[in-house]
Amino acid sequence: MFEIPYNSPYAEWKAYTVKQKVMGGYRMPPPPAMPEEMVVIMELAWNHDPEKRPDATNLRKLLEEVNKKYGGQEDSSPVKAR
């Protein structure tokens, strides 16, 4: 989720360090300019319990709602695999 608006998280850390930190429960704080709605969605996606995370369909709906609120283009086309 962090990558969508802000590119690469943990860019200053080696992959091994990222793995250790994230598996230990560390999550990067959201950037100050990130809309609160995006923070909530990001935190939902980070839940340790997979049953409490939004599935891809619900995640897309949540992101579309935020996009619409901020005046983004609506795109209802399915995502195509490469």
Protein backbone atom coordinates (compact mmCIF):
# COMPACT_ATOMS: atom_id res chain seq x y z
CA MET A 1 0.00 0.00 0.00
CA PHE A 2 2.79 2.39 0.85
CA GLU A 3 4.25 1.95 -2.62
CA ILE A 4 1.18 3.29 -4.43
CA PRO A 5 1.71 6.96 -3.59
CA TYR A 6 5.25 7.02 -2.22
CA ASN A 7 7.37 4.58 -4.24
CA SER A 8 9.72 2.27 -2.39
CA PRO A 9 9.39 1.93 1.39
CA TYR A 10 12.38 0.94 3.48
CA ALA A 11 14.70 2.09 0.66
CA GLU A 12 17.51 2.77 3.13
CA TRP A 13 17.41 -0.77 4.61
CA LYS A 14 18.82 -4.03 3.29
CA ALA A 15 16.24 -6.74 2.47
CA TYR A 16 17.28 -8.84 5.48
CA THR A 17 16.68 -5.92 7.85
CA VAL A 18 13.26 -5.23 6.32
CA LYS A 19 12.29 -8.88 6.78
CA GLN A 20 13.38 -8.90 10.43
CA LYS A 21 11.64 -5.64 11.26
CA VAL A 22 8.36 -6.40 9.48
CA MET A 23 8.15 -9.93 10.88
CA GLY A 24 8.72 -8.38 14.29
CA GLY A 25 5.66 -6.16 13.80
CA TYR A 26 7.29 -2.92 12.66
CA ARG A 27 5.32 -0.81 10.20
CA MET A 28 6.51 2.45 8.71
CA PRO A 29 4.59 5.46 9.95
CA PRO A 30 2.44 6.97 7.22
CA PRO A 31 3.76 10.15 5.65
CA PRO A 32 2.18 13.29 7.15
CA ALA A 33 0.57 14.22 3.82
CA MET A 34 -1.16 10.85 3.36
CA PRO A 35 -4.96 11.21 3.56
CA GLU A 36 -6.46 9.59 6.65
CA GLU A 37 -8.60 7.30 4.48
CA MET A 38 -5.45 5.86 2.90
CA VAL A 39 -3.88 5.37 6.33
CA VAL A 40 -6.93 3.35 7.43
CA ILE A 41 -6.83 1.19 4.29
CA MET A 42 -3.09 0.65 4.67
CA GLU A 43 -3.49 -0.42 8.30
CA LEU A 44 -6.32 -2.80 7.37
CA ALA A 45 -4.06 -4.43 4.77
CA TRP A 46 -1.28 -4.79 7.36
CA ASN A 47 -3.38 -6.76 9.85
CA HIS A 48 -1.50 -9.83 11.11
CA ASP A 49 -4.71 -11.89 10.90
CA PRO A 50 -5.35 -12.67 7.21
CA GLU A 51 -9.08 -13.04 7.94
CA LYS A 52 -9.22 -9.39 9.00
CA ARG A 53 -7.46 -8.05 5.90
CA PRO A 54 -9.58 -6.83 2.98
CA ASP A 55 -9.55 -9.17 0.00
CA ALA A 56 -8.55 -7.81 -3.41
CA THR A 57 -12.15 -6.98 -4.39
CA ASN A 58 -12.84 -5.03 -1.21
CA LEU A 59 -9.44 -3.38 -1.32
CA ARG A 60 -10.17 -2.13 -4.83
CA LYS A 61 -13.56 -0.77 -3.71
CA LEU A 62 -11.97 1.07 -0.79
CA LEU A 63 -9.30 2.57 -3.03
CA GLU A 64 -11.88 3.59 -5.64
CA GLU A 65 -13.90 5.39 -2.94
CA VAL A 66 -10.83 7.36 -1.85
CA ASN A 67 -9.94 8.07 -5.47
CA LYS A 68 -13.45 9.36 -6.16
CA LYS A 69 -13.39 11.56 -3.04
CA TYR A 70 -10.20 13.23 -4.23
CA GLY A 71 -11.42 13.77 -7.78
CA GLY A 72 -9.64 10.91 -9.49
CA GLN A 73 -10.75 9.18 -12.67
CA GLU A 74 -13.14 6.28 -12.26
CA ASP A 75 -11.89 3.10 -13.89
CA SER A 76 -14.15 0.07 -13.73
CA SER A 77 -12.15 -1.99 -16.21
CA PRO A 78 -10.70 -5.23 -14.88
CA VAL A 79 -6.98 -5.38 -14.29
CA LYS A 80 -5.32 -7.46 -17.00
CA ALA A 81 -2.59 -9.96 -16.25
CA ARG A 82 0.71 -9.52 -18.02
